[in-house]
Protein backbone atom coordinates (compact mmCIF):
# COMPACT_ATOMS: atom_id res chain seq x y z
CA MET A 1 97.00 108.01 90.75
CA ASP A 2 93.19 108.03 90.87
CA ASN A 3 92.92 105.23 88.31
CA LEU A 4 95.50 103.21 90.24
CA PHE A 5 93.50 103.53 93.45
CA HIS A 6 90.38 102.26 91.71
CA GLN A 7 92.32 99.31 90.31
CA LEU A 8 93.57 98.37 93.78
CA HIS A 9 89.96 97.61 94.75
CA HIS A 10 89.62 95.01 91.99
CA ASP A 11 92.88 93.12 92.44
CA GLY A 12 92.78 91.02 95.60
CA LEU A 13 92.43 92.45 99.10
CA LEU A 14 93.66 96.00 99.67
CA ILE A 15 94.88 96.35 103.25
CA LEU A 16 95.06 99.96 104.42
CA THR A 17 96.87 101.04 107.56
CA ASN A 18 95.29 104.28 108.74
CA VAL A 19 97.54 107.16 109.73
CA ALA A 20 97.23 110.53 111.48
CA ASP A 21 100.08 112.50 109.95
CA ALA A 22 102.83 112.71 107.36
CA ALA A 23 105.37 110.77 109.45
CA GLY A 24 102.99 107.85 109.82
CA ALA A 25 102.13 107.96 106.13
CA ARG A 26 105.80 107.83 105.14
CA ILE A 27 106.44 104.86 107.42
CA VAL A 28 103.42 102.99 106.06
CA GLU A 29 104.55 103.55 102.48
CA GLN A 30 108.10 102.42 103.27
CA LEU A 31 106.69 99.22 104.76
CA GLY A 32 105.15 98.42 101.38
CA CYS A 33 101.55 99.56 101.59
CA LYS A 34 100.07 100.25 98.18
CA ALA A 35 98.01 103.20 99.38
CA VAL A 36 97.62 105.38 102.47
CA ALA A 37 94.44 106.19 104.37
CA THR A 38 93.78 108.70 107.12
CA SER A 39 91.84 107.89 110.26
CA SER A 40 89.41 110.68 111.07
CA ALA A 41 89.63 109.86 114.77
CA ALA A 42 93.42 109.75 114.81
CA VAL A 43 93.75 113.02 112.89
CA ALA A 44 91.31 114.72 115.26
CA TRP A 45 93.00 113.34 118.37
CA ALA A 46 96.44 114.34 117.07
CA HIS A 47 95.21 117.94 116.97
CA GLY A 48 93.50 117.79 120.36
CA TYR A 49 89.91 117.39 119.17
CA PRO A 50 87.37 114.59 119.66
CA ASP A 51 86.23 112.37 116.84
CA GLY A 52 82.84 113.26 115.39
CA ASN A 53 82.98 116.17 112.93
CA ALA A 54 84.73 118.44 115.49
CA LEU A 55 88.12 118.95 113.81
CA PRO A 56 88.60 122.44 112.30
CA LEU A 57 88.72 121.93 108.56
CA GLU A 58 91.91 123.92 108.08
CA ARG A 59 93.65 121.36 110.31
CA LEU A 60 92.31 118.52 108.19
CA ILE A 61 93.38 120.13 104.93
CA SER A 62 96.87 120.95 106.20
CA THR A 63 97.23 117.32 107.32
CA VAL A 64 96.17 116.04 103.90
CA GLU A 65 98.60 118.41 102.17
CA SER A 66 101.49 117.33 104.37
CA ILE A 67 100.78 113.64 103.79
CA ALA A 68 100.40 114.02 100.03
CA ARG A 69 103.70 115.88 99.91
CA VAL A 70 105.73 112.96 101.28
CA ILE A 71 104.16 109.89 99.64
CA SER A 72 104.05 108.55 96.10
CA VAL A 73 101.10 106.17 96.51
CA PRO A 74 97.37 107.00 96.44
CA LEU A 75 95.88 108.81 99.42
CA THR A 76 92.32 108.40 100.67
CA VAL A 77 90.89 110.64 103.37
CA ASP A 78 88.19 109.93 105.93
CA ILE A 79 85.96 113.01 105.97
CA GLU A 80 83.48 111.57 108.50
CA ALA A 81 80.02 112.83 107.45
CA GLY A 82 81.46 115.72 105.47
CA TYR A 83 81.70 117.80 108.66
CA SER A 84 78.33 119.35 107.82
CA ASP A 85 74.86 118.62 106.50
CA ASP A 86 75.01 121.82 104.44
CA LEU A 87 75.71 120.54 100.93
CA THR A 88 77.57 123.70 99.93
CA ARG A 89 79.97 123.26 102.83
CA VAL A 90 80.37 119.57 102.03
CA ALA A 91 81.18 120.46 98.41
CA ASP A 92 83.77 123.02 99.52
CA LEU A 93 85.40 120.49 101.83
CA ILE A 94 85.62 117.81 99.15
CA ASP A 95 87.03 120.30 96.67
CA ALA A 96 89.71 121.29 99.19
CA VAL A 97 90.56 117.66 100.02
CA ILE A 98 91.01 116.83 96.34
CA ALA A 99 93.10 119.96 95.80
CA ALA A 100 95.27 118.89 98.76
CA GLY A 101 96.08 115.58 97.07
CA ALA A 102 93.44 112.99 97.93
CA VAL A 103 92.12 110.60 95.27
CA GLY A 104 89.66 108.86 97.59
CA ILE A 105 87.33 109.67 100.45
CA ASN A 106 85.34 107.85 103.09
CA ILE A 107 82.02 109.50 103.84
CA GLU A 108 79.52 108.07 106.31
CA ASP A 109 75.79 108.07 106.93
CA GLY A 110 75.87 107.73 110.72
CA ALA A 111 72.43 107.91 112.31
CA SER A 112 71.12 110.30 109.64
CA PRO A 113 68.67 109.16 106.96
CA PRO A 114 70.56 107.48 104.10
CA GLU A 115 69.01 109.96 101.67
CA LEU A 116 71.27 112.64 103.15
CA LEU A 117 74.38 110.64 102.30
CA VAL A 118 72.95 110.10 98.81
CA ARG A 119 72.94 113.85 98.30
CA LYS A 120 76.45 114.19 99.67
CA ILE A 121 77.74 111.47 97.34
CA GLU A 122 76.11 113.17 94.38
CA ILE A 123 77.80 116.44 95.36
CA ALA A 124 81.15 114.69 95.78
CA ARG A 125 80.88 113.17 92.31
CA GLN A 126 80.05 116.58 90.81
CA VAL A 127 82.99 118.25 92.54
CA ALA A 128 85.39 115.51 91.46
CA SER A 129 84.19 115.73 87.87
CA ARG A 130 84.88 119.48 87.85
CA ARG A 131 88.36 118.71 89.15
CA ASN A 132 88.76 116.01 86.47
CA VAL A 133 89.59 113.48 89.20
CA LYS A 134 88.20 109.96 89.31
CA LEU A 135 87.57 110.21 93.04
CA PHE A 136 87.02 106.89 94.80
CA ILE A 137 83.97 107.48 97.01
CA ASN A 138 83.80 104.88 99.76
CA ALA A 139 80.32 105.09 101.30
CA ARG A 140 80.33 104.01 104.94
CA SER A 141 77.12 102.52 106.26
CA ASP A 142 76.83 102.56 110.03
CA VAL A 143 74.01 100.03 110.20
CA TYR A 144 76.29 97.62 112.09
CA LEU A 145 78.51 100.05 113.94
CA LYS A 146 75.63 102.02 115.42
CA SER A 147 73.09 99.16 115.62
CA LEU A 148 70.59 101.12 113.54
CA VAL A 149 68.26 98.15 112.94
CA PRO A 150 67.63 94.78 114.65
CA ALA A 151 70.40 92.24 114.10
CA GLU A 152 68.33 90.09 111.74
CA ASP A 153 67.73 93.07 109.44
CA ARG A 154 71.29 94.36 109.20
CA VAL A 155 72.28 92.64 105.97
CA ALA A 156 69.12 93.67 104.14
CA GLU A 157 69.31 97.27 105.36
CA THR A 158 72.99 97.58 104.48
CA LEU A 159 72.30 96.28 100.98
CA ARG A 160 69.34 98.64 100.61
CA ARG A 161 71.61 101.54 101.44
CA ALA A 162 74.36 100.19 99.20
CA ALA A 163 72.01 100.31 96.22
CA LEU A 164 71.10 103.92 97.01
CA TYR A 165 74.73 104.93 97.40
CA GLN A 166 75.81 103.14 94.23
CA ALA A 167 73.09 104.90 92.23
CA ALA A 168 74.31 108.23 93.62
CA GLY A 169 77.87 107.56 92.45
CA ALA A 170 79.63 105.63 95.22
CA ASP A 171 82.52 103.35 94.22
CA GLY A 172 82.74 101.23 97.35
CA LEU A 173 80.71 100.09 100.36
CA PHE A 174 82.22 100.26 103.83
CA ALA A 175 80.12 98.07 106.12
CA ALA A 176 81.80 99.19 109.32
CA GLY A 177 81.26 96.79 112.19
CA VAL A 178 80.32 93.58 110.38
CA THR A 179 82.38 90.61 111.56
CA ALA A 180 80.31 87.45 110.98
CA GLU A 181 81.63 85.50 108.01
CA TYR A 182 78.17 84.56 106.69
CA GLU A 183 77.04 88.19 106.79
CA ILE A 184 80.19 89.35 105.04
CA ALA A 185 79.57 86.77 102.33
CA ALA A 186 75.95 87.92 101.95
CA LEU A 187 77.06 91.53 101.56
CA CYS A 188 79.67 90.60 98.95
CA GLN A 189 77.06 88.66 97.00
CA GLY A 190 74.39 91.33 97.35
CA THR A 191 76.18 94.35 95.90
CA PRO A 192 78.56 94.89 92.98
CA LEU A 193 80.39 97.54 95.02
CA PRO A 194 83.79 96.47 96.42
CA LEU A 195 83.22 95.68 100.10
CA ASN A 196 85.36 97.32 102.80
CA VAL A 197 85.38 95.91 106.34
CA LEU A 198 86.88 97.17 109.57
CA GLY A 199 89.47 95.22 111.51
CA LEU A 200 87.69 94.31 114.73
CA PRO A 201 87.90 91.38 117.19
CA GLY A 202 86.21 88.35 115.67
CA LEU A 203 86.81 89.38 112.07
CA PRO A 204 87.99 86.53 109.81
CA SER A 205 91.65 86.59 108.78
CA PRO A 206 92.70 88.46 105.63
CA GLU A 207 93.00 85.16 103.78
CA GLU A 208 89.49 84.17 104.87
CA LEU A 209 88.14 87.55 103.80
CA LYS A 210 89.39 87.04 100.28
CA ALA A 211 87.21 83.97 99.73
CA PRO A 212 83.80 85.72 99.72
CA GLY A 213 85.25 88.68 97.82
CA VAL A 214 86.10 91.40 100.37
CA ARG A 215 88.23 94.00 98.59
CA ARG A 216 89.38 96.37 101.32
CA LEU A 217 90.37 96.02 104.97
CA ILE A 218 91.19 98.85 107.34
């Protein structure tokens, strides 16, 4: 399942419909989706918590277990920023998510220094190796989403972070918030990592996203 999920990022455009629970995951699979992804916000809201690393981890793990139990396609889980900056706690979370059935994760940098996400990615890779799972680590850069740098510097800063995350062991780059076609093309050309974009108003159509080489759309 882990090898299959990796392959899906190198064969056209993988479109992922994010879900909050097992019922949604089953529906998405029945509609023909090749993989299932969780939305951190939707999972948190479904349990009565705000988005932003506030969800009790036992609720997250039980959700992942219930989804994995009812689907037969790969499952990737959004773990926000790892729900902690304590690397031991991040490692424990990733270990539990893998044990619950995930073969991929999203993990984000937010407003923190990118070097912190580098360490978290390195930890994730170590944990996955111990589990003998080829975990797909999708590194989310919030340069666009949180306007971390001036507009004219966003491509360069995102690519700078992409290089750091790739060296740490990331398998994909999630440039959340980018919508301009020329910037998307520049990101595709500037990193060997499969590029993931977020479905927002103004984003090119799926067919248009394929042309520059986008590999994942959520």
